[in-house]
Amino acid sequence: MTISSRFAVAIHALSLLELNKDGVNTSDYIASSVNTNPVVIRRILGMLNKAGIVQVRPGVAGTRLARSVSELTLLDIYRAVEVVEEDALFAIHEKPNPNCPVGKHIQESIEPVFSAAQHAMEQTLAKVSLEEIVGKLNHVACDNDQNAPE
């Protein structure tokens, strides 16, 4: 089991919006890049719109970034699409056996570790801007174009 792919799809879509900012970015266009259904893209764009990260105009084709890629962090994007509450990234089974010495104390033993792990991940995401991701994409695209067979 992994964290939802919405986060990676959102980064993909936002990077595409930046790289194609002069073009028309429909959900069909974005979905073709992600290789998914446009409904999935519309759902994610709705979350990003609600968070103020993109501008979606009902009835008008095209989505655009509402904020600069330099001020958008991966944590902003993660929070917009994952909807993970504080200290809730790792689920703990709810009803261990209270008569068992392990079951009686397992939650209080692992909750602080899980909380620290989530905070560490979030701190890492907060240090990376979407601009850095787009820059890496530009670099990789240029390298691949130079190495492409003719």
C-alpha atoms as a PDB file:
ATOM      1  CA  MET A   1       0.000   0.000   0.000  1.00  0.00           C
ATOM      2  CA  THR A   2       1.312   3.457  -0.883  1.00  0.00           C
ATOM      3  CA  ILE A   3       0.269   7.039  -0.413  1.00  0.00           C
ATOM      4  CA  SER A   4      -2.265   8.053  -3.035  1.00  0.00           C
ATOM      5  CA  SER A   5      -0.852   8.893  -6.461  1.00  0.00           C
ATOM      6  CA  ARG A   6      -2.844  12.160  -6.412  1.00  0.00           C
ATOM      7  CA  PHE A   7       0.248  13.915  -5.102  1.00  0.00           C
ATOM      8  CA  ALA A   8       2.487  12.780  -7.973  1.00  0.00           C
ATOM      9  CA  VAL A   9      -0.280  13.438 -10.514  1.00  0.00           C
ATOM     10  CA  ALA A  10      -0.774  16.945  -9.100  1.00  0.00           C
ATOM     11  CA  ILE A  11       2.961  17.699  -9.424  1.00  0.00           C
ATOM     12  CA  HIS A  12       2.864  16.351 -12.996  1.00  0.00           C
ATOM     13  CA  ALA A  13      -0.170  18.479 -13.894  1.00  0.00           C
ATOM     14  CA  LEU A  14       1.236  21.638 -12.302  1.00  0.00           C
ATOM     15  CA  SER A  15       4.574  21.168 -14.043  1.00  0.00           C
ATOM     16  CA  LEU A  16       2.745  20.792 -17.343  1.00  0.00           C
ATOM     17  CA  LEU A  17       0.755  23.975 -16.662  1.00  0.00           C
ATOM     18  CA  GLU A  18       4.012  25.863 -16.122  1.00  0.00           C
ATOM     19  CA  LEU A  19       5.771  24.435 -19.154  1.00  0.00           C
ATOM     20  CA  ASN A  20       2.727  25.025 -21.379  1.00  0.00           C
ATOM     21  CA  LYS A  21       1.607  28.326 -19.832  1.00  0.00           C
ATOM     22  CA  ASP A  22       1.046  29.910 -23.247  1.00  0.00           C
ATOM     23  CA  GLY A  23      -1.078  26.990 -24.436  1.00  0.00           C
ATOM     24  CA  VAL A  24      -4.590  25.815 -23.603  1.00  0.00           C
ATOM     25  CA  ASN A  25      -4.434  23.351 -20.731  1.00  0.00           C
ATOM     26  CA  THR A  26      -7.632  21.338 -20.771  1.00  0.00           C
ATOM     27  CA  SER A  27      -8.222  18.341 -18.546  1.00  0.00           C
ATOM     28  CA  ASP A  28      -8.042  16.177 -21.685  1.00  0.00           C
ATOM     29  CA  TYR A  29      -4.622  17.601 -22.558  1.00  0.00           C
ATOM     30  CA  ILE A  30      -3.296  17.119 -19.018  1.00  0.00           C
ATOM     31  CA  ALA A  31      -4.827  13.628 -18.812  1.00  0.00           C
ATOM     32  CA  SER A  32      -3.054  12.628 -22.016  1.00  0.00           C
ATOM     33  CA  SER A  33       0.285  13.594 -20.480  1.00  0.00           C
ATOM     34  CA  VAL A  34      -0.451  11.812 -17.207  1.00  0.00           C
ATOM     35  CA  ASN A  35      -1.995   8.892 -19.106  1.00  0.00           C
ATOM     36  CA  THR A  36      -5.146   8.848 -17.026  1.00  0.00           C
ATOM     37  CA  ASN A  37      -8.815   9.693 -17.323  1.00  0.00           C
ATOM     38  CA  PRO A  38      -9.732  13.408 -17.580  1.00  0.00           C
ATOM     39  CA  VAL A  39     -12.171  12.923 -14.684  1.00  0.00           C
ATOM     40  CA  VAL A  40      -9.212  12.135 -12.417  1.00  0.00           C
ATOM     41  CA  ILE A  41      -7.500  15.320 -13.568  1.00  0.00           C
ATOM     42  CA  ARG A  42     -10.628  17.429 -13.053  1.00  0.00           C
ATOM     43  CA  ARG A  43     -10.967  16.082  -9.503  1.00  0.00           C
ATOM     44  CA  ILE A  44      -7.340  16.935  -8.686  1.00  0.00           C
ATOM     45  CA  LEU A  45      -7.586  20.347 -10.359  1.00  0.00           C
ATOM     46  CA  GLY A  46     -10.677  21.015  -8.248  1.00  0.00           C
ATOM     47  CA  MET A  47      -8.645  20.348  -5.090  1.00  0.00           C
ATOM     48  CA  LEU A  48      -5.809  22.554  -6.339  1.00  0.00           C
ATOM     49  CA  ASN A  49      -8.303  25.288  -7.251  1.00  0.00           C
ATOM     50  CA  LYS A  50      -9.849  25.156  -3.789  1.00  0.00           C
ATOM     51  CA  ALA A  51      -6.350  25.567  -2.303  1.00  0.00           C
ATOM     52  CA  GLY A  52      -5.690  28.601  -4.522  1.00  0.00           C
ATOM     53  CA  ILE A  53      -2.929  26.884  -6.491  1.00  0.00           C
ATOM     54  CA  VAL A  54      -4.653  26.921  -9.891  1.00  0.00           C
ATOM     55  CA  GLN A  55      -7.368  28.935 -11.574  1.00  0.00           C
ATOM     56  CA  VAL A  56     -10.132  26.919 -13.172  1.00  0.00           C
ATOM     57  CA  ARG A  57     -12.828  28.807 -15.036  1.00  0.00           C
ATOM     58  CA  PRO A  58     -16.108  26.897 -15.296  1.00  0.00           C
ATOM     59  CA  GLY A  59     -17.271  26.573 -18.880  1.00  0.00           C
ATOM     60  CA  VAL A  60     -13.980  27.882 -20.270  1.00  0.00           C
ATOM     61  CA  ALA A  61     -11.352  25.439 -21.466  1.00  0.00           C
ATOM     62  CA  GLY A  62      -8.015  25.796 -19.777  1.00  0.00           C
ATOM     63  CA  THR A  63      -6.441  25.886 -16.374  1.00  0.00           C
ATOM     64  CA  ARG A  64      -3.545  28.042 -15.265  1.00  0.00           C
ATOM     65  CA  LEU A  65      -1.365  28.414 -12.219  1.00  0.00           C
ATOM     66  CA  ALA A  66      -2.641  30.940  -9.692  1.00  0.00           C
ATOM     67  CA  ARG A  67       0.742  31.256  -7.982  1.00  0.00           C
ATOM     68  CA  SER A  68       4.326  31.414  -9.132  1.00  0.00           C
ATOM     69  CA  VAL A  69       6.201  28.103  -9.243  1.00  0.00           C
ATOM     70  CA  SER A  70       8.932  29.720  -7.139  1.00  0.00           C
ATOM     71  CA  GLU A  71       6.543  30.227  -4.227  1.00  0.00           C
ATOM     72  CA  LEU A  72       4.778  26.858  -4.475  1.00  0.00           C
ATOM     73  CA  THR A  73       6.314  24.099  -2.396  1.00  0.00           C
ATOM     74  CA  LEU A  74       5.706  20.399  -2.679  1.00  0.00           C
ATOM     75  CA  LEU A  75       4.196  20.601   0.805  1.00  0.00           C
ATOM     76  CA  ASP A  76       1.589  23.086  -0.469  1.00  0.00           C
ATOM     77  CA  ILE A  77       0.669  20.660  -3.225  1.00  0.00           C
ATOM     78  CA  TYR A  78       0.692  17.651  -0.907  1.00  0.00           C
ATOM     79  CA  ARG A  79      -1.625  19.337   1.550  1.00  0.00           C
ATOM     80  CA  ALA A  80      -3.947  20.440  -1.232  1.00  0.00           C
ATOM     81  CA  VAL A  81      -4.508  16.960  -2.671  1.00  0.00           C
ATOM     82  CA  GLU A  82      -3.761  14.441   0.047  1.00  0.00           C
ATOM     83  CA  VAL A  83      -5.936  15.821   2.799  1.00  0.00           C
ATOM     84  CA  VAL A  84      -3.866  14.073   5.447  1.00  0.00           C
ATOM     85  CA  GLU A  85      -4.507  15.467   8.871  1.00  0.00           C
ATOM     86  CA  GLU A  86      -1.707  16.243  11.277  1.00  0.00           C
ATOM     87  CA  ASP A  87      -0.237  13.070  12.734  1.00  0.00           C
ATOM     88  CA  ALA A  88      -2.553  10.938  10.602  1.00  0.00           C
ATOM     89  CA  LEU A  89      -0.256   9.781   7.790  1.00  0.00           C
ATOM     90  CA  PHE A  90       0.319   6.416   9.430  1.00  0.00           C
ATOM     91  CA  ALA A  91      -2.744   4.538  10.541  1.00  0.00           C
ATOM     92  CA  ILE A  92      -2.658   2.574  13.754  1.00  0.00           C
ATOM     93  CA  HIS A  93      -4.976  -0.345  14.233  1.00  0.00           C
ATOM     94  CA  GLU A  94      -7.696   0.831  16.552  1.00  0.00           C
ATOM     95  CA  LYS A  95      -8.520  -2.092  18.790  1.00  0.00           C
ATOM     96  CA  PRO A  96      -5.488  -4.076  19.889  1.00  0.00           C
ATOM     97  CA  ASN A  97      -6.120  -6.568  22.664  1.00  0.00           C
ATOM     98  CA  PRO A  98      -5.978  -4.601  25.947  1.00  0.00           C
ATOM     99  CA  ASN A  99      -5.261  -7.823  27.860  1.00  0.00           C
ATOM    100  CA  CYS A 100      -2.022  -8.356  25.946  1.00  0.00           C
ATOM    101  CA  PRO A 101       1.047  -6.485  27.245  1.00  0.00           C
ATOM    102  CA  VAL A 102       1.965  -5.484  23.687  1.00  0.00           C
ATOM    103  CA  GLY A 103      -1.596  -4.664  22.629  1.00  0.00           C
ATOM    104  CA  LYS A 104      -2.100  -2.564  25.732  1.00  0.00           C
ATOM    105  CA  HIS A 105       0.862  -0.250  24.970  1.00  0.00           C
ATOM    106  CA  ILE A 106       1.570  -0.491  21.240  1.00  0.00           C
ATOM    107  CA  GLN A 107      -0.251   2.684  20.252  1.00  0.00           C
ATOM    108  CA  GLU A 108       1.508   4.938  22.760  1.00  0.00           C
ATOM    109  CA  SER A 109       4.817   3.348  21.793  1.00  0.00           C
ATOM    110  CA  ILE A 110       4.613   3.930  18.045  1.00  0.00           C
ATOM    111  CA  GLU A 111       2.509   7.110  17.737  1.00  0.00           C
ATOM    112  CA  PRO A 112       5.460   9.447  18.550  1.00  0.00           C
ATOM    113  CA  VAL A 113       7.647   7.696  15.969  1.00  0.00           C
ATOM    114  CA  PHE A 114       4.939   7.945  13.315  1.00  0.00           C
ATOM    115  CA  SER A 115       4.378  11.609  14.147  1.00  0.00           C
ATOM    116  CA  ALA A 116       8.101  12.396  13.883  1.00  0.00           C
ATOM    117  CA  ALA A 117       8.319  10.575  10.542  1.00  0.00           C
ATOM    118  CA  GLN A 118       5.404  12.573   9.120  1.00  0.00           C
ATOM    119  CA  HIS A 119       6.926  15.845  10.313  1.00  0.00           C
ATOM    120  CA  ALA A 120      10.294  14.940   8.758  1.00  0.00           C
ATOM    121  CA  MET A 121       8.633  14.157   5.435  1.00  0.00           C
ATOM    122  CA  GLU A 122       6.680  17.420   5.522  1.00  0.00           C
ATOM    123  CA  GLN A 123       9.825  19.412   6.318  1.00  0.00           C
ATOM    124  CA  THR A 124      11.535  17.860   3.298  1.00  0.00           C
ATOM    125  CA  LEU A 125       8.581  18.695   1.026  1.00  0.00           C
ATOM    126  CA  ALA A 126       8.541  22.275   2.347  1.00  0.00           C
ATOM    127  CA  LYS A 127      12.129  22.777   1.160  1.00  0.00           C
ATOM    128  CA  VAL A 128      11.411  21.900  -2.485  1.00  0.00           C
ATOM    129  CA  SER A 129       9.664  24.351  -4.799  1.00  0.00           C
ATOM    130  CA  LEU A 130       7.734  23.450  -7.914  1.00  0.00           C
ATOM    131  CA  GLU A 131      10.249  25.665  -9.713  1.00  0.00           C
ATOM    132  CA  GLU A 132      12.986  23.142  -8.831  1.00  0.00           C
ATOM    133  CA  ILE A 133      10.945  20.278 -10.269  1.00  0.00           C
ATOM    134  CA  VAL A 134      10.186  22.213 -13.459  1.00  0.00           C
ATOM    135  CA  GLY A 135      13.869  23.113 -13.737  1.00  0.00           C
ATOM    136  CA  LYS A 136      14.828  19.444 -13.516  1.00  0.00           C
ATOM    137  CA  LEU A 137      12.227  18.603 -16.156  1.00  0.00           C
ATOM    138  CA  ASN A 138      13.647  21.252 -18.475  1.00  0.00           C
ATOM    139  CA  HIS A 139      17.164  19.923 -17.913  1.00  0.00           C
ATOM    140  CA  VAL A 140      16.147  16.303 -18.558  1.00  0.00           C
ATOM    141  CA  ALA A 141      14.126  17.292 -21.635  1.00  0.00           C
ATOM    142  CA  CYS A 142      17.110  19.174 -23.081  1.00  0.00           C
ATOM    143  CA  ASP A 143      19.441  16.239 -22.401  1.00  0.00           C
ATOM    144  CA  ASN A 144      17.022  13.782 -23.994  1.00  0.00           C
ATOM    145  CA  ASP A 145      16.543  16.005 -27.034  1.00  0.00           C
ATOM    146  CA  GLN A 146      20.304  16.152 -27.571  1.00  0.00           C
ATOM    147  CA  ASN A 147      20.661  12.382 -27.231  1.00  0.00           C
ATOM    148  CA  ALA A 148      17.624  11.464 -29.344  1.00  0.00           C
ATOM    149  CA  PRO A 149      18.347   9.419 -32.468  1.00  0.00           C
ATOM    150  CA  GLU A 150      17.893  11.329 -35.696  1.00  0.00           C
END
